[in-house]
Amino acid sequence: MNAILEMRSITKTFPGVKALADVNLTVERGEIHALVGENGAGKSTLMKVLSGVYPHHQYDGDIFYNGELQKFAKISDSEAKGIIIIHQELALVPLLSIAENIFLGNETATKGVIDWHEAHSRATELLRKVGLNENSATLIDNIGVGKQQLVEIAKALSKEVELLILDEPTSSLNENDSEALLELLLEFRRQGITSILISHKLNEVAKVADTITVLRDGMTVSTFPCDHGPEIENKIIKDMVGRELTNRFPPRDVEIGDTVFEVKNWNVYHHIYSDRHLIRDVNLNLRAGEIVGIAGLMGAGRTELAMSIFGRSYGQKISGEVQLKGQQVDVSTIRKAVDRGLAYVTEDRKEYGLVLENTIKNNLTLANLDGVAKGSVLDDNEERQVSREYIDKLNIRCSSMLQEVVNLSGGNQQKVVLGKWLYSNPEVLILDEPTRGIDVNAKYEIYTIINELAAQGRGIVFISSEMPELLGMCDRIYVMNEGRMAGELPAAEASQEKIMRMILKNDG
């Protein structure tokens, strides 16, 4: 055995909460070591301890790296040893280019002068490695969250990596791009790079991991070799949640009603480059109680379609018609869209869905302040009552309604976003990657909430990059490719193979 890393008896406490309790982790040189557990289990906290985000005096326990005791005071200390972490929360500067972000703090400079030709040349090579076909001069603000994740990975590769830590690296990627990233991890292993992979996508863990460590409630539950067998996912789930989870998707028996929502001949141009026609002549419809999925590869236009419909919050030169219950409606602003009964749960909850430094209470009522106001003055008692109701209804795990949402786990943050829009009482709810970056148990809870909304007669548009999720939750699935609807399938006839064939048939 040749351990590159040993973390012994790591304990980390936040005010009122013990996030890690006597955690042990041993990682062998050259392996892919998966770290799994529910949201709030302590995975990200443990990696922040390792990388120096939490300096050595802020936790108890010891870290041995390459056999030497380490006391990292800051993240640059761990990077100097070859430990590079890619956090789940993207750390890019929106108004800088891809190349500038990749080499930020690690500039290609001679005597203080940056060699931009070298920077863009190396950036292009790194982008090719991670499978991102973008000009290195493109601003981060002008690419989607999935592509931004690939830039983060390219940024990590630009440094001398010995131990690469990836916290939910595929959470923003579709299946094809996720597959490419996993192949990249396997290539890193062949090159002798050690990786720690944190992921809620257990099929990915089962595919590439050599060893798996499970955390639950801030403690090490188990560490075992990954045999890649058919039962490995069930073993992981049992250790994660402390019980068997027999079904990934809740049962559903809903009576589907009349058409409540239609989009006709919808066209959208790029929000900056007015000659780029992103959404072309899209038509879709949705019935009461129905869950309709939208599948597609990265760049297919799913998020752009959703945002442009919801108050024209993306794009320009938008044309087409939106109908609710057979009547054309004006959804040209977010306020008008909300007033007409639309709600949109964004794919990027931290950037657009939540006010992170604010309380659960204030976030839950944000989309319907009129509901907790008397005249133009907020009624704190009413706001508290509404918050209590949605915390209970959605099973949001928190210390109190006054807890800041930045301190919640990903699954509970997602429930707050859902609660915010449910309180606006929408007839049509557009969900964009609603389970991104949350664990299998929290996913099941979100799925159950979605089914309950459909049972109430609401129409649900469900955008997801995970095809098993679409197949397990939806009544019908639209397939998008390059801004067009490539086809439509009833769930009973749909399969991953049929969806991919539909995309490839319409490709180009």
Protein backbone atom coordinates (compact mmCIF):
# COMPACT_ATOMS: atom_id res chain seq x y z
CA MET A 1 0.00 0.00 0.00
CA ASN A 2 1.32 3.44 -0.91
CA ALA A 3 -0.84 6.17 0.57
CA ILE A 4 -0.47 9.66 -0.86
CA LEU A 5 -2.91 11.08 1.72
CA GLU A 6 -3.97 10.24 5.25
CA MET A 7 -6.47 12.35 7.17
CA ARG A 8 -6.68 11.19 10.78
CA SER A 9 -9.41 11.98 13.32
CA ILE A 10 -10.51 15.17 11.56
CA THR A 11 -13.06 17.14 13.59
CA LYS A 12 -14.50 20.46 12.43
CA THR A 13 -17.09 22.49 14.32
CA PHE A 14 -19.14 25.47 13.22
CA PRO A 15 -21.20 27.51 15.71
CA GLY A 16 -23.72 25.03 17.09
CA VAL A 17 -22.91 22.31 14.53
CA LYS A 18 -20.26 19.57 14.46
CA ALA A 19 -19.72 19.19 10.71
CA LEU A 20 -17.01 16.51 11.01
CA ALA A 21 -16.55 14.12 13.91
CA ASP A 22 -13.35 12.03 14.02
CA VAL A 23 -13.27 11.42 10.25
CA ASN A 24 -10.54 9.21 8.75
CA LEU A 25 -9.64 9.05 5.06
CA THR A 26 -6.76 7.22 3.36
CA VAL A 27 -6.15 7.67 -0.37
CA GLU A 28 -3.72 5.46 -2.27
CA ARG A 29 -1.36 6.92 -4.85
CA GLY A 30 -2.69 6.80 -8.41
CA GLU A 31 -6.24 5.78 -7.55
CA ILE A 32 -9.64 7.40 -8.07
CA HIS A 33 -11.13 7.60 -4.59
CA ALA A 34 -14.84 8.45 -4.43
CA LEU A 35 -16.20 10.34 -1.43
CA VAL A 36 -19.98 10.00 -1.18
CA GLY A 37 -22.75 10.87 1.24
CA GLU A 38 -25.94 12.86 1.54
CA ASN A 39 -25.95 16.65 1.38
CA GLY A 40 -24.64 17.89 4.70
CA ALA A 41 -22.68 14.68 5.38
CA GLY A 42 -19.43 16.66 5.50
CA LYS A 43 -17.78 15.79 2.17
CA SER A 44 -17.09 19.34 0.99
CA THR A 45 -16.09 20.43 4.50
CA LEU A 46 -13.52 17.62 4.67
CA MET A 47 -12.03 18.67 1.33
CA LYS A 48 -11.91 22.31 2.43
CA VAL A 49 -9.95 21.19 5.48
CA LEU A 50 -7.56 19.28 3.22
CA SER A 51 -7.03 22.14 0.77
CA GLY A 52 -6.46 24.86 3.37
CA VAL A 53 -9.74 26.71 2.89
CA TYR A 54 -10.13 25.98 6.61
CA PRO A 55 -6.59 26.49 8.01
CA HIS A 56 -4.97 23.98 10.34
CA HIS A 57 -5.81 25.85 13.56
CA GLN A 58 -9.56 25.74 12.74
CA TYR A 59 -9.92 21.95 13.00
CA ASP A 60 -8.66 19.05 15.11
CA GLY A 61 -6.79 16.07 13.68
CA ASP A 62 -3.82 15.51 11.39
CA ILE A 63 -3.17 15.53 7.64
CA PHE A 64 -0.29 13.51 6.23
CA TYR A 65 0.58 14.08 2.57
CA ASN A 66 3.36 12.07 0.95
CA GLY A 67 4.17 10.87 4.45
CA GLU A 68 4.70 14.35 5.90
CA LEU A 69 2.51 16.14 8.44
CA GLN A 70 0.91 19.18 6.80
CA LYS A 71 -0.44 22.34 8.39
CA PHE A 72 -1.89 24.30 5.49
CA ALA A 73 -2.67 27.90 6.43
CA LYS A 74 -4.25 28.82 3.09
CA ILE A 75 -5.21 27.26 -0.21
CA SER A 76 -2.00 28.34 -1.95
CA ASP A 77 -0.05 26.18 0.55
CA SER A 78 -1.85 23.03 -0.57
CA GLU A 79 -1.58 24.00 -4.25
CA ALA A 80 2.18 24.34 -3.85
CA LYS A 81 2.19 20.66 -2.85
CA GLY A 82 0.19 19.69 -5.96
CA ILE A 83 -3.24 19.45 -4.29
CA ILE A 84 -5.77 21.16 -6.56
CA ILE A 85 -9.46 21.40 -5.67
CA ILE A 86 -12.34 22.23 -7.99
CA HIS A 87 -15.20 23.40 -5.80
CA GLN A 88 -18.84 22.77 -6.55
CA GLU A 89 -19.38 26.54 -6.43
CA LEU A 90 -17.71 27.96 -9.52
CA ALA A 91 -14.90 30.43 -8.79
CA LEU A 92 -14.61 32.27 -12.09
CA VAL A 93 -14.59 35.99 -12.86
CA PRO A 94 -17.52 36.62 -15.23
CA LEU A 95 -16.06 39.64 -17.06
CA LEU A 96 -12.69 38.07 -17.76
CA SER A 97 -11.98 35.77 -20.69
CA ILE A 98 -11.63 32.01 -20.49
CA ALA A 99 -7.84 32.28 -20.86
CA GLU A 100 -7.60 35.00 -18.21
CA ASN A 101 -9.59 32.83 -15.79
CA ILE A 102 -7.54 29.71 -16.47
CA PHE A 103 -4.28 31.46 -15.60
CA LEU A 104 -5.60 33.88 -12.95
CA GLY A 105 -2.97 33.91 -10.21
CA ASN A 106 -0.79 31.65 -12.31
CA GLU A 107 -0.13 34.00 -15.24
CA THR A 108 2.11 33.18 -18.19
CA ALA A 109 4.42 36.11 -17.51
CA THR A 110 8.06 37.00 -17.95
CA LYS A 111 9.45 39.79 -15.75
CA GLY A 112 5.92 40.88 -14.92
CA VAL A 113 4.74 41.05 -18.54
CA ILE A 114 2.02 38.59 -19.56
CA ASP A 115 2.63 36.68 -22.80
CA TRP A 116 -0.93 36.70 -24.16
CA HIS A 117 -0.05 34.60 -27.19
CA GLU A 118 1.29 31.90 -24.89
CA ALA A 119 -1.73 32.22 -22.57
CA HIS A 120 -4.27 31.76 -25.35
CA SER A 121 -2.25 28.99 -26.97
CA ARG A 122 -2.03 27.01 -23.73
CA ALA A 123 -5.66 27.75 -22.90
CA THR A 124 -6.77 26.40 -26.27
CA GLU A 125 -4.82 23.20 -25.63
CA LEU A 126 -6.38 22.80 -22.17
CA LEU A 127 -9.87 23.44 -23.53
CA ARG A 128 -9.29 20.72 -26.10
CA LYS A 129 -8.32 18.33 -23.29
CA VAL A 130 -11.60 18.87 -21.48
CA GLY A 131 -13.65 18.80 -24.67
CA LEU A 132 -14.75 22.44 -24.71
CA ASN A 133 -14.96 23.97 -28.17
CA GLU A 134 -14.86 27.67 -27.28
CA ASN A 135 -12.59 30.55 -28.21
CA SER A 136 -10.25 31.23 -25.28
CA ALA A 137 -10.98 34.96 -25.65
CA THR A 138 -14.70 34.43 -24.89
CA LEU A 139 -15.91 36.05 -21.66
CA ILE A 140 -17.04 33.67 -18.92
CA ASP A 141 -20.27 35.66 -18.69
CA ASN A 142 -21.13 34.60 -22.23
CA ILE A 143 -21.00 30.83 -21.71
CA GLY A 144 -23.41 28.59 -19.78
CA VAL A 145 -22.82 27.03 -16.39
CA GLY A 146 -21.95 23.65 -17.89
CA LYS A 147 -19.17 25.14 -19.99
CA GLN A 148 -17.99 27.15 -17.01
CA GLN A 149 -17.47 23.87 -15.14
CA LEU A 150 -15.20 22.68 -17.92
CA VAL A 151 -13.21 25.91 -17.68
CA GLU A 152 -12.73 25.22 -13.96
CA ILE A 153 -11.33 21.80 -14.79
CA ALA A 154 -9.03 23.28 -17.44
CA LYS A 155 -7.86 25.81 -14.84
CA ALA A 156 -6.97 22.97 -12.46
CA LEU A 157 -5.08 21.15 -15.19
CA SER A 158 -2.97 24.26 -15.86
CA LYS A 159 -1.23 23.69 -12.52
CA GLU A 160 1.18 20.90 -11.52
CA VAL A 161 -1.46 18.48 -10.25
CA GLU A 162 -0.56 15.50 -8.07
CA LEU A 163 -3.85 15.12 -6.19
CA LEU A 164 -6.97 16.42 -7.97
CA ILE A 165 -10.13 16.94 -5.92
CA LEU A 166 -13.34 17.26 -7.91
CA ASP A 167 -16.48 18.32 -6.02
CA GLU A 168 -19.51 17.40 -8.17
CA PRO A 169 -17.61 17.98 -11.44
CA THR A 170 -20.37 16.61 -13.69
CA SER A 171 -23.34 18.24 -11.95
CA SER A 172 -23.61 20.82 -14.74
CA LEU A 173 -22.90 18.43 -17.62
CA ASN A 174 -25.11 16.27 -19.78
CA GLU A 175 -24.45 12.56 -20.13
CA ASN A 176 -22.16 12.79 -23.16
CA ASP A 177 -19.99 15.49 -21.58
CA SER A 178 -20.03 13.66 -18.25
CA GLU A 179 -18.85 10.53 -20.02
CA ALA A 180 -15.99 12.48 -21.62
CA LEU A 181 -14.98 13.88 -18.23
CA LEU A 182 -14.96 10.42 -16.66
CA GLU A 183 -12.75 9.18 -19.48
CA LEU A 184 -10.49 12.14 -18.73
CA LEU A 185 -10.29 11.05 -15.08
CA LEU A 186 -9.32 7.55 -16.17
CA GLU A 187 -6.64 9.07 -18.40
CA PHE A 188 -5.34 11.08 -15.44
CA ARG A 189 -5.11 7.84 -13.48
CA ARG A 190 -3.06 6.28 -16.27
CA GLN A 191 -0.76 9.30 -16.04
CA GLY A 192 -0.30 8.72 -12.30
CA ILE A 193 -2.54 11.55 -11.08
CA THR A 194 -4.54 10.70 -7.95
CA SER A 195 -8.15 11.92 -7.81
CA ILE A 196 -10.76 12.34 -5.11
CA LEU A 197 -14.20 12.38 -6.71
CA ILE A 198 -17.22 13.76 -4.85
CA SER A 199 -20.40 12.94 -6.73
CA HIS A 200 -24.07 12.24 -6.21
CA LYS A 201 -24.22 10.41 -9.54
CA LEU A 202 -23.67 6.93 -8.21
CA ASN A 203 -23.50 5.34 -11.64
CA GLU A 204 -20.44 7.50 -12.33
CA VAL A 205 -18.87 6.54 -9.01
CA ALA A 206 -19.50 2.86 -9.74
CA LYS A 207 -17.91 3.21 -13.16
CA VAL A 208 -14.57 4.89 -12.36
CA ALA A 209 -13.82 4.65 -8.64
CA ASP A 210 -11.19 2.28 -7.27
CA THR A 211 -12.17 2.89 -3.65
CA ILE A 212 -15.27 4.41 -2.05
CA THR A 213 -15.58 6.15 1.32
CA VAL A 214 -19.07 6.93 2.65
CA LEU A 215 -19.73 9.76 5.10
CA ARG A 216 -22.96 10.14 7.06
CA ASP A 217 -23.72 12.90 9.58
CA GLY A 218 -20.10 14.04 9.59
CA MET A 219 -18.65 10.60 10.36
CA THR A 220 -16.90 7.91 8.34
CA VAL A 221 -19.36 5.05 7.82
CA SER A 222 -17.40 2.77 5.52
CA THR A 223 -14.51 2.47 3.09
CA PHE A 224 -14.46 -0.38 0.56
CA PRO A 225 -13.02 -1.28 -2.85
CA CYS A 226 -15.33 -0.67 -5.82
CA ASP A 227 -15.94 -3.95 -7.65
CA HIS A 228 -18.03 -2.22 -10.36
CA GLY A 229 -20.67 -4.90 -9.91
CA PRO A 230 -24.45 -4.44 -10.29
CA GLU A 231 -25.05 -4.17 -6.52
CA ILE A 232 -22.46 -1.51 -5.78
CA GLU A 233 -24.93 1.41 -6.09
CA ASN A 234 -27.34 -0.26 -3.65
CA LYS A 235 -24.52 -0.75 -1.14
CA ILE A 236 -23.52 2.92 -1.44
CA ILE A 237 -27.12 4.08 -0.94
CA LYS A 238 -27.63 1.83 2.09
CA ASP A 239 -24.48 3.21 3.76
CA MET A 240 -25.39 6.79 2.80
CA VAL A 241 -28.94 6.85 4.16
CA GLY A 242 -28.73 4.05 6.72
CA ARG A 243 -31.45 2.00 5.03
CA GLU A 244 -32.45 0.39 1.76
CA LEU A 245 -33.88 2.73 -0.91
CA THR A 246 -35.86 0.39 -3.13
CA ASN A 247 -37.09 2.92 -5.72
CA ARG A 248 -35.26 5.90 -7.18
CA PHE A 249 -38.54 7.53 -8.32
CA PRO A 250 -41.79 7.78 -6.33
CA PRO A 251 -44.94 6.11 -7.70
CA ARG A 252 -47.30 8.39 -9.58
CA ASP A 253 -50.94 8.05 -10.59
CA VAL A 254 -52.23 11.38 -11.87
CA GLU A 255 -55.21 12.24 -14.03
CA ILE A 256 -54.01 14.50 -16.83
CA GLY A 257 -56.40 17.27 -17.85
CA ASP A 258 -56.79 19.82 -20.62
CA THR A 259 -54.04 21.89 -22.20
CA VAL A 260 -53.00 24.72 -19.88
CA PHE A 261 -49.86 26.03 -21.56
CA GLU A 262 -48.69 26.43 -25.15
CA VAL A 263 -45.71 28.02 -26.83
CA LYS A 264 -46.04 28.64 -30.57
CA ASN A 265 -43.43 29.53 -33.18
CA TRP A 266 -40.96 30.73 -30.55
CA ASN A 267 -37.77 32.36 -31.82
CA VAL A 268 -34.91 33.83 -29.79
CA TYR A 269 -31.61 35.46 -30.74
CA HIS A 270 -28.45 35.56 -28.64
CA HIS A 271 -28.54 38.13 -25.84
CA ILE A 272 -25.30 39.75 -27.11
CA TYR A 273 -24.74 38.61 -30.70
CA SER A 274 -27.96 39.63 -32.41
CA ASP A 275 -27.22 37.64 -35.57
CA ARG A 276 -27.08 34.29 -33.70
CA HIS A 277 -30.47 32.59 -33.99
CA LEU A 278 -30.57 30.35 -30.90
CA ILE A 279 -34.18 29.15 -30.69
CA ARG A 280 -35.91 28.39 -33.97
CA ASP A 281 -39.67 27.97 -34.42
CA VAL A 282 -40.19 26.00 -31.21
CA ASN A 283 -43.64 24.68 -30.37
CA LEU A 284 -44.61 22.87 -27.18
CA ASN A 285 -47.71 22.24 -25.10
CA LEU A 286 -48.48 21.14 -21.58
CA ARG A 287 -51.61 19.77 -19.94
CA ALA A 288 -52.85 20.12 -16.36
CA GLY A 289 -51.23 17.52 -14.11
CA GLU A 290 -48.67 16.62 -16.75
CA ILE A 291 -44.89 16.50 -16.34
CA VAL A 292 -43.24 17.20 -19.69
CA GLY A 293 -39.49 16.76 -20.00
CA ILE A 294 -37.03 18.53 -22.28
CA ALA A 295 -33.93 16.51 -23.17
CA GLY A 296 -30.92 17.63 -25.16
CA LEU A 297 -27.16 17.95 -25.18
CA MET A 298 -25.29 20.94 -23.77
CA GLY A 299 -25.92 23.92 -26.03
CA ALA A 300 -29.23 22.55 -27.32
CA GLY A 301 -31.01 25.68 -26.09
CA ARG A 302 -33.13 24.27 -23.27
CA THR A 303 -32.22 26.90 -20.65
CA GLU A 304 -32.34 29.71 -23.22
CA LEU A 305 -35.83 28.58 -24.20
CA ALA A 306 -37.03 28.47 -20.59
CA MET A 307 -35.57 31.84 -19.64
CA SER A 308 -36.85 33.58 -22.76
CA ILE A 309 -40.37 32.34 -22.05
CA PHE A 310 -40.14 33.41 -18.42
CA GLY A 311 -40.33 37.18 -18.74
CA ARG A 312 -37.84 37.33 -21.62
CA SER A 313 -35.05 37.04 -19.04
CA TYR A 314 -32.74 35.83 -21.80
CA GLY A 315 -32.25 36.80 -25.44
CA GLN A 316 -33.37 39.50 -27.83
CA LYS A 317 -35.56 39.81 -30.93
CA ILE A 318 -37.93 37.32 -29.29
CA SER A 319 -41.03 36.40 -31.27
CA GLY A 320 -43.82 33.88 -30.90
CA GLU A 321 -46.87 33.33 -28.77
CA VAL A 322 -47.53 32.05 -25.25
CA GLN A 323 -51.01 30.81 -24.35
CA LEU A 324 -52.45 29.92 -20.98
CA LYS A 325 -55.72 27.97 -21.06
CA GLY A 326 -56.23 28.92 -24.69
CA GLN A 327 -55.73 32.65 -24.22
CA GLN A 328 -52.68 34.53 -25.48
CA VAL A 329 -50.87 36.20 -22.56
CA ASP A 330 -48.21 38.85 -22.20
CA VAL A 331 -45.12 37.40 -20.49
CA SER A 332 -42.71 40.08 -21.71
CA THR A 333 -41.41 40.83 -18.20
CA ILE A 334 -40.76 38.61 -15.19
CA ARG A 335 -43.44 40.41 -13.20
CA LYS A 336 -46.00 39.82 -15.95
CA ALA A 337 -44.97 36.17 -16.26
CA VAL A 338 -45.38 35.61 -12.52
CA ASP A 339 -48.73 37.43 -12.50
CA ARG A 340 -49.95 35.14 -15.32
CA GLY A 341 -49.08 32.04 -13.30
CA LEU A 342 -45.60 31.11 -14.54
CA ALA A 343 -42.65 30.21 -12.32
CA TYR A 344 -39.09 29.30 -13.25
CA VAL A 345 -36.68 27.38 -11.02
CA THR A 346 -33.24 28.22 -12.40
CA GLU A 347 -30.44 25.71 -13.03
CA ASP A 348 -28.10 27.96 -11.02
CA ARG A 349 -29.73 28.36 -7.63
CA LYS A 350 -26.78 30.16 -6.04
CA GLU A 351 -26.45 32.82 -8.74
CA TYR A 352 -30.08 33.43 -9.71
CA GLY A 353 -32.36 31.47 -7.35
CA LEU A 354 -31.38 32.61 -3.87
CA VAL A 355 -30.09 35.57 -1.89
CA LEU A 356 -27.42 33.50 -0.18
CA GLU A 357 -26.62 35.87 2.67
CA ASN A 358 -30.29 36.27 3.55
CA THR A 359 -32.51 34.12 5.74
CA ILE A 360 -34.70 31.20 4.75
CA LYS A 361 -37.69 33.29 5.80
CA ASN A 362 -36.87 36.15 3.48
CA ASN A 363 -35.99 33.89 0.54
CA LEU A 364 -39.22 31.88 0.79
CA THR A 365 -41.45 34.93 0.39
CA LEU A 366 -39.34 36.77 -2.19
CA ALA A 367 -41.45 35.89 -5.25
CA ASN A 368 -44.73 36.96 -3.61
CA LEU A 369 -44.08 39.82 -1.22
CA ASP A 370 -47.65 41.06 -1.71
CA GLY A 371 -48.78 37.89 0.07
CA VAL A 372 -47.00 38.87 3.29
CA ALA A 373 -47.60 42.61 3.19
CA LYS A 374 -50.20 44.98 4.52
CA GLY A 375 -50.27 47.77 2.03
CA SER A 376 -46.62 48.42 1.25
CA VAL A 377 -45.31 47.19 4.61
CA LEU A 378 -44.13 43.61 5.18
CA ASP A 379 -45.94 41.78 7.98
CA ASP A 380 -43.24 39.88 9.88
CA ASN A 381 -45.75 37.63 11.64
CA GLU A 382 -47.33 36.64 8.34
CA GLU A 383 -43.91 36.06 6.81
CA ARG A 384 -42.96 33.80 9.71
CA GLN A 385 -46.20 31.85 9.37
CA VAL A 386 -45.64 31.30 5.65
CA SER A 387 -42.04 30.27 6.28
CA ARG A 388 -43.04 27.75 8.94
CA GLU A 389 -45.62 26.30 6.57
CA TYR A 390 -43.16 25.77 3.70
CA ILE A 391 -40.32 24.56 5.94
CA ASP A 392 -42.70 21.87 7.23
CA LYS A 393 -44.29 21.13 3.86
CA LEU A 394 -40.97 20.72 2.05
CA ASN A 395 -39.10 19.20 5.01
CA ILE A 396 -36.37 21.84 4.86
CA ARG A 397 -33.73 20.80 7.40
CA CYS A 398 -32.50 23.91 9.18
CA SER A 399 -31.77 25.29 12.62
CA SER A 400 -34.51 27.92 12.22
CA MET A 401 -36.22 30.05 9.58
CA LEU A 402 -33.64 32.74 10.41
CA GLN A 403 -30.73 30.59 9.24
CA GLU A 404 -28.94 32.04 6.20
CA VAL A 405 -29.44 29.86 3.12
CA VAL A 406 -25.69 29.95 2.34
CA ASN A 407 -25.26 27.57 5.31
CA LEU A 408 -27.80 25.01 4.07
CA SER A 409 -26.91 21.86 2.16
CA GLY A 410 -27.53 21.83 -1.59
CA GLY A 411 -30.71 19.78 -1.28
CA ASN A 412 -32.20 22.13 1.31
CA GLN A 413 -31.21 25.18 -0.74
CA GLN A 414 -33.08 23.64 -3.67
CA LYS A 415 -36.15 23.15 -1.50
CA VAL A 416 -36.02 26.85 -0.54
CA VAL A 417 -35.99 27.80 -4.24
CA LEU A 418 -38.95 25.51 -4.88
CA GLY A 419 -40.79 26.91 -1.87
CA LYS A 420 -40.20 30.47 -3.04
CA TRP A 421 -41.93 29.77 -6.33
CA LEU A 422 -44.66 27.56 -4.87
CA TYR A 423 -45.69 30.45 -2.67
CA SER A 424 -46.33 32.47 -5.83
CA ASN A 425 -49.04 29.84 -6.59
CA PRO A 426 -48.07 29.11 -10.23
CA GLU A 427 -50.17 27.18 -12.71
CA VAL A 428 -47.09 26.30 -14.77
CA LEU A 429 -43.75 25.53 -13.15
CA ILE A 430 -40.61 25.35 -15.31
CA LEU A 431 -37.90 23.34 -13.54
CA ASP A 432 -34.39 23.68 -14.96
CA GLU A 433 -32.09 20.92 -13.59
CA PRO A 434 -34.04 20.83 -10.30
CA THR A 435 -31.90 18.06 -8.73
CA ARG A 436 -28.45 19.28 -9.82
CA GLY A 437 -25.80 18.61 -7.18
CA ILE A 438 -28.05 16.95 -4.60
CA ASP A 439 -27.93 13.45 -3.17
CA VAL A 440 -30.12 10.45 -3.94
CA ASN A 441 -32.30 10.84 -0.84
CA ALA A 442 -32.88 14.58 -1.38
CA LYS A 443 -33.64 13.86 -5.05
CA TYR A 444 -36.39 11.47 -4.01
CA GLU A 445 -37.88 14.17 -1.79
CA ILE A 446 -37.79 16.69 -4.66
CA TYR A 447 -39.39 14.14 -7.00
CA THR A 448 -42.17 13.57 -4.46
CA ILE A 449 -42.85 17.31 -4.24
CA ILE A 450 -42.99 17.55 -8.06
CA ASN A 451 -45.48 14.68 -8.20
CA GLU A 452 -47.65 16.35 -5.56
CA LEU A 453 -47.69 19.56 -7.60
CA ALA A 454 -48.78 17.63 -10.70
CA ALA A 455 -51.50 15.92 -8.64
CA GLN A 456 -52.82 19.39 -7.77
CA GLY A 457 -53.35 20.01 -11.49
CA ARG A 458 -50.30 22.17 -12.14
CA GLY A 459 -48.35 21.75 -15.34
CA ILE A 460 -44.64 20.95 -14.97
CA VAL A 461 -41.89 21.50 -17.54
CA PHE A 462 -38.88 19.41 -16.44
CA ILE A 463 -35.48 20.16 -17.98
CA SER A 464 -32.73 17.69 -17.10
CA SER A 465 -29.39 16.48 -18.41
CA GLU A 466 -29.93 13.12 -16.69
CA MET A 467 -31.95 10.93 -19.03
CA PRO A 468 -32.88 8.34 -16.36
CA GLU A 469 -34.45 11.21 -14.41
CA LEU A 470 -36.54 12.30 -17.40
CA LEU A 471 -37.59 8.71 -18.12
CA GLY A 472 -38.47 8.13 -14.46
CA MET A 473 -40.47 11.32 -13.92
CA CYS A 474 -42.07 12.53 -17.15
CA ASP A 475 -45.26 11.73 -19.07
CA ARG A 476 -43.86 13.07 -22.34
CA ILE A 477 -40.39 14.10 -23.44
CA TYR A 478 -39.46 16.75 -26.00
CA VAL A 479 -35.99 16.45 -27.51
CA MET A 480 -34.11 19.64 -28.39
CA ASN A 481 -31.07 19.95 -30.65
CA GLU A 482 -29.36 23.13 -31.80
CA GLY A 483 -32.31 25.32 -30.82
CA ARG A 484 -34.98 23.25 -32.52
CA MET A 485 -37.42 20.60 -31.35
CA ALA A 486 -36.01 17.39 -32.82
CA GLY A 487 -39.02 15.35 -31.77
CA GLU A 488 -41.37 14.22 -29.03
CA LEU A 489 -41.90 10.88 -27.31
CA PRO A 490 -44.48 9.59 -24.81
CA ALA A 491 -42.67 8.27 -21.75
CA ALA A 492 -43.96 4.75 -22.32
CA GLU A 493 -42.12 4.63 -25.66
CA ALA A 494 -39.02 6.61 -24.69
CA SER A 495 -35.55 5.26 -23.98
CA GLN A 496 -32.08 6.75 -23.76
CA GLU A 497 -31.22 5.15 -27.11
CA LYS A 498 -34.29 6.60 -28.84
CA ILE A 499 -33.59 10.07 -27.45
CA MET A 500 -29.96 9.98 -28.60
CA ARG A 501 -30.96 8.71 -32.05
CA MET A 502 -33.42 11.57 -32.34
CA ILE A 503 -30.68 14.07 -31.45
CA LEU A 504 -28.13 12.57 -33.84
CA LYS A 505 -30.64 12.28 -36.67
CA ASN A 506 -31.28 16.00 -36.45
CA ASP A 507 -27.66 16.96 -35.75
CA GLY A 508 -26.46 19.59 -38.21
